[in-house]
């Protein structure tokens, strides 16, 4: 009987240890730091690398880490009832041109999907909803703002009765934009749509992984959750 094939390690061609690579990627994606900030912080810890190395690492391993996190969380969330989703779009400038970053967030602030488009119309809203429903199932309530594209998309999906529009009702997703806005400022905006889509997806999953909602729990519980999240991060792609 043939032995099951063990997948090759993605770190096998790198001289740097996986622990250092995970640390560099986490620092760059999780915190509002520039590439040179990460280089300086690692230098203080005795790790001498160039900022271009950090750029290469996050481009190479960031999507892998994010996919691993998303796969684990999506399988867990499918076992729970999808009660309420919040949908919203935010304006992002790419070389002076306006693009839109669509985000779907659940009732606990978990970022479900991030998708970049050049337009803000029915087709874009429909794409975001279909991608999110395919991965997580159908919610009971979808909260949106007054953009008519949401109404048109939900009419096509047959979810018009589930849509909810109200003043301050969509603050959950509005607040979730703040962490991405801080990263956008530190990166001095984006140059290409492809780069924006990649970083938005990676940042959303890393944010979900380390988001412990510390304002809702006591100090001891927060410390336990923080240690657990860090241990799980250090075991990614192991």
Protein backbone atom coordinates (compact mmCIF):
# COMPACT_ATOMS: atom_id res chain seq x y z
CA UNK A 1 0.00 0.00 0.00
CA UNK A 2 1.43 3.34 -1.05
CA UNK A 3 2.14 5.82 1.69
CA UNK A 4 0.18 9.10 1.61
CA UNK A 5 2.24 11.84 0.05
CA UNK A 6 3.27 14.55 2.49
CA UNK A 7 2.93 18.04 0.94
CA UNK A 8 6.23 19.84 0.53
CA UNK A 9 6.94 22.73 2.89
CA UNK A 10 6.56 26.16 1.24
CA UNK A 11 9.66 27.28 3.19
CA UNK A 12 11.95 24.57 1.79
CA UNK A 13 13.93 26.87 -0.54
CA UNK A 14 14.45 29.64 2.02
CA UNK A 15 17.49 29.95 4.29
CA UNK A 16 15.54 32.09 6.76
CA UNK A 17 13.58 30.15 9.38
CA UNK A 18 9.77 29.95 9.03
CA UNK A 19 9.39 31.65 12.43
CA UNK A 20 11.12 34.80 11.18
CA UNK A 21 9.08 34.84 7.96
CA UNK A 22 5.81 34.49 9.87
CA UNK A 23 6.86 37.26 12.25
CA UNK A 24 7.75 39.66 9.42
CA UNK A 25 4.50 39.01 7.54
CA UNK A 26 2.43 39.40 10.72
CA UNK A 27 4.11 42.71 11.63
CA UNK A 28 3.60 44.16 8.16
CA UNK A 29 0.00 43.07 7.62
CA UNK A 30 -1.40 43.32 11.14
CA UNK A 31 0.09 46.68 12.18
CA UNK A 32 0.16 50.01 10.29
CA UNK A 33 3.89 49.72 9.55
CA UNK A 34 5.86 50.41 6.41
CA UNK A 35 8.34 47.93 4.96
CA UNK A 36 11.23 49.93 6.38
CA UNK A 37 9.56 50.05 9.82
CA UNK A 38 9.44 46.25 9.83
CA UNK A 39 13.09 46.14 8.73
CA UNK A 40 14.12 48.39 11.63
CA UNK A 41 12.08 46.49 14.23
CA UNK A 42 13.54 43.17 13.11
CA UNK A 43 17.04 44.69 13.20
CA UNK A 44 16.50 45.57 16.87
CA UNK A 45 15.85 41.87 17.45
CA UNK A 46 19.10 40.86 15.74
CA UNK A 47 17.50 39.93 12.40
CA UNK A 48 19.25 41.67 9.51
CA UNK A 49 17.06 41.72 6.38
CA UNK A 50 16.24 44.33 3.74
CA UNK A 51 12.81 45.90 3.37
CA UNK A 52 12.54 44.40 -0.12
CA UNK A 53 12.83 40.97 1.51
CA UNK A 54 9.81 41.80 3.66
CA UNK A 55 7.95 42.84 0.52
CA UNK A 56 8.81 39.54 -1.18
CA UNK A 57 7.81 37.51 1.87
CA UNK A 58 4.38 39.08 2.25
CA UNK A 59 3.69 38.75 -1.47
CA UNK A 60 4.75 35.11 -1.43
CA UNK A 61 3.41 33.88 1.92
CA UNK A 62 0.67 36.39 2.80
CA UNK A 63 -1.95 34.83 0.49
CA UNK A 64 -0.96 31.34 1.71
CA UNK A 65 -1.41 32.29 5.37
CA UNK A 66 -4.70 34.07 4.60
CA UNK A 67 -6.04 31.08 2.65
CA UNK A 68 -5.17 28.73 5.51
CA UNK A 69 -6.94 30.99 8.04
CA UNK A 70 -9.97 31.47 5.78
CA UNK A 71 -10.32 27.74 5.11
CA UNK A 72 -10.37 26.90 8.81
CA UNK A 73 -12.75 29.69 9.79
CA UNK A 74 -15.14 29.13 6.87
CA UNK A 75 -15.56 25.45 7.77
CA UNK A 76 -16.29 26.42 11.39
CA UNK A 77 -18.73 29.20 10.51
CA UNK A 78 -20.78 26.98 8.20
CA UNK A 79 -21.91 25.06 11.28
CA UNK A 80 -23.48 28.19 12.81
CA UNK A 81 -26.55 30.12 11.82
CA UNK A 82 -25.79 33.10 9.57
CA UNK A 83 -27.95 35.64 11.35
CA UNK A 84 -27.04 39.06 9.99
CA UNK A 85 -24.63 40.40 7.38
CA UNK A 86 -23.59 43.99 6.82
CA UNK A 87 -22.57 45.08 3.30
CA UNK A 88 -20.85 48.32 2.37
CA UNK A 89 -18.44 49.76 -0.17
CA UNK A 90 -15.59 52.20 0.41
CA UNK A 91 -13.80 54.46 -2.06
CA UNK A 92 -10.12 53.67 -2.69
CA UNK A 93 -7.87 55.69 -4.97
CA UNK A 94 -5.46 53.87 -7.32
CA UNK A 95 -3.17 56.27 -9.20
CA UNK A 96 -5.79 58.97 -8.78
CA UNK A 97 -8.61 56.83 -10.18
CA UNK A 98 -11.62 55.88 -8.06
CA UNK A 99 -12.17 52.20 -7.25
CA UNK A 100 -14.49 50.54 -4.76
CA UNK A 101 -13.66 48.02 -2.07
CA UNK A 102 -16.77 46.01 -1.17
CA UNK A 103 -16.84 44.30 2.20
CA UNK A 104 -19.23 41.86 3.83
CA UNK A 105 -19.17 41.64 7.64
CA UNK A 106 -21.21 39.42 9.94
CA UNK A 107 -23.02 40.50 13.12
CA UNK A 108 -19.88 39.91 15.24
CA UNK A 109 -17.61 42.04 13.06
CA UNK A 110 -16.00 39.10 11.22
CA UNK A 111 -14.93 40.20 7.73
CA UNK A 112 -16.40 37.63 5.37
CA UNK A 113 -15.37 38.94 1.96
CA UNK A 114 -13.38 41.77 0.38
CA UNK A 115 -13.72 42.50 -3.32
CA UNK A 116 -12.40 45.37 -5.47
CA UNK A 117 -14.26 46.72 -8.51
CA UNK A 118 -13.97 49.70 -10.83
CA UNK A 119 -17.70 50.45 -10.69
CA UNK A 120 -20.39 50.68 -8.04
CA UNK A 121 -23.36 49.06 -9.77
CA UNK A 122 -25.66 46.06 -9.66
CA UNK A 123 -23.12 43.69 -11.26
CA UNK A 124 -20.50 44.48 -8.62
CA UNK A 125 -22.95 44.08 -5.73
CA UNK A 126 -24.22 40.82 -7.20
CA UNK A 127 -20.68 39.44 -7.50
CA UNK A 128 -19.91 40.20 -3.85
CA UNK A 129 -23.14 38.62 -2.62
CA UNK A 130 -22.69 35.48 -4.70
CA UNK A 131 -19.08 35.00 -3.57
CA UNK A 132 -20.03 35.42 0.07
CA UNK A 133 -23.08 33.15 -0.07
CA UNK A 134 -21.14 30.44 -1.89
CA UNK A 135 -18.60 30.30 0.92
CA UNK A 136 -20.74 30.91 4.02
CA UNK A 137 -24.33 30.14 3.08
CA UNK A 138 -27.36 32.46 3.20
CA UNK A 139 -28.03 34.92 6.05
CA UNK A 140 -31.37 35.70 7.62
CA UNK A 141 -30.93 39.50 7.41
CA UNK A 142 -28.71 41.65 5.16
CA UNK A 143 -28.12 45.22 6.34
CA UNK A 144 -27.06 47.76 3.69
CA UNK A 145 -27.10 51.48 3.08
CA UNK A 146 -29.46 53.18 0.62
CA UNK A 147 -27.45 52.34 -2.53
CA UNK A 148 -29.92 51.10 -5.15
CA UNK A 149 -27.44 48.54 -6.48
CA UNK A 150 -28.04 46.43 -3.37
CA UNK A 151 -31.78 46.41 -3.95
CA UNK A 152 -31.35 45.41 -7.61
CA UNK A 153 -28.89 42.63 -6.76
CA UNK A 154 -31.05 41.23 -3.96
CA UNK A 155 -34.11 41.30 -6.21
CA UNK A 156 -32.27 39.07 -8.67
CA UNK A 157 -31.22 36.73 -5.86
CA UNK A 158 -34.72 36.66 -4.39
CA UNK A 159 -33.60 38.12 -1.05
CA UNK A 160 -35.48 41.41 -1.13
CA UNK A 161 -37.46 40.55 2.02
CA UNK A 162 -34.19 40.04 3.94
CA UNK A 163 -32.77 43.50 3.24
CA UNK A 164 -32.71 46.03 6.07
CA UNK A 165 -31.90 49.73 5.68
CA UNK A 166 -31.80 52.12 8.60
CA UNK A 167 -29.95 55.04 10.09
CA UNK A 168 -26.83 53.85 11.95
CA UNK A 169 -27.88 50.26 11.24
CA UNK A 170 -24.72 49.68 9.18
CA UNK A 171 -22.20 51.03 11.71
CA UNK A 172 -20.77 47.54 12.19
CA UNK A 173 -19.25 47.46 8.71
CA UNK A 174 -18.42 51.18 8.74
CA UNK A 175 -16.23 50.64 11.81
CA UNK A 176 -14.53 47.66 10.18
CA UNK A 177 -13.17 50.03 7.50
CA UNK A 178 -11.03 51.87 10.04
CA UNK A 179 -8.25 49.29 10.37
CA UNK A 180 -7.88 49.11 6.59
CA UNK A 181 -7.81 52.91 6.29
CA UNK A 182 -4.89 53.02 8.74
CA UNK A 183 -2.97 50.51 6.62
CA UNK A 184 -3.82 52.43 3.45
CA UNK A 185 -2.31 55.63 4.86
CA UNK A 186 0.89 53.90 5.99
CA UNK A 187 1.30 52.32 2.54
CA UNK A 188 0.75 55.70 0.80
CA UNK A 189 -2.18 54.23 -1.13
CA UNK A 190 -1.98 51.57 -3.82
CA UNK A 191 -0.55 51.49 -7.34
CA UNK A 192 -2.46 48.64 -8.95
CA UNK A 193 -5.90 47.07 -8.59
CA UNK A 194 -4.37 43.59 -8.33
CA UNK A 195 -2.19 44.67 -5.40
CA UNK A 196 -5.18 46.23 -3.64
CA UNK A 197 -7.24 43.05 -4.03
CA UNK A 198 -4.42 40.87 -2.72
CA UNK A 199 -3.66 43.04 0.29
CA UNK A 200 -7.32 43.61 1.18
CA UNK A 201 -7.95 39.85 1.23
CA UNK A 202 -4.83 39.08 3.28
CA UNK A 203 -5.43 41.95 5.70
CA UNK A 204 -9.07 40.93 6.28
CA UNK A 205 -8.15 37.36 7.25
CA UNK A 206 -5.25 38.41 9.48
CA UNK A 207 -7.52 40.97 11.16
CA UNK A 208 -10.13 38.26 11.79
CA UNK A 209 -7.51 35.96 13.25
CA UNK A 210 -6.20 38.45 15.81
CA UNK A 211 -9.47 40.28 16.52
CA UNK A 212 -10.40 39.21 20.07
CA UNK A 213 -12.86 42.07 20.78
CA UNK A 214 -10.92 42.97 23.91
CA UNK A 215 -13.43 45.66 24.88
CA UNK A 216 -16.04 42.95 25.57
CA UNK A 217 -13.98 40.57 27.71
CA UNK A 218 -11.91 40.70 30.88
CA UNK A 219 -8.12 40.95 30.94
CA UNK A 220 -7.46 37.30 31.74
CA UNK A 221 -9.68 36.02 28.95
CA UNK A 222 -8.10 38.46 26.51
CA UNK A 223 -4.60 37.22 27.37
CA UNK A 224 -5.66 33.62 26.79
CA UNK A 225 -7.26 34.40 23.43
CA UNK A 226 -4.24 36.46 22.36
CA UNK A 227 -1.84 33.64 23.22
CA UNK A 228 -4.02 31.12 21.37
CA UNK A 229 -4.19 33.30 18.23
CA UNK A 230 -0.41 33.79 18.27
CA UNK A 231 0.23 30.06 18.71
CA UNK A 232 -2.09 29.25 15.81
CA UNK A 233 -0.34 31.84 13.64
CA UNK A 234 3.08 30.35 14.42
CA UNK A 235 1.83 26.93 13.27
CA UNK A 236 0.49 28.09 9.91
CA UNK A 237 1.82 26.11 6.93
CA UNK A 238 3.88 24.05 9.37
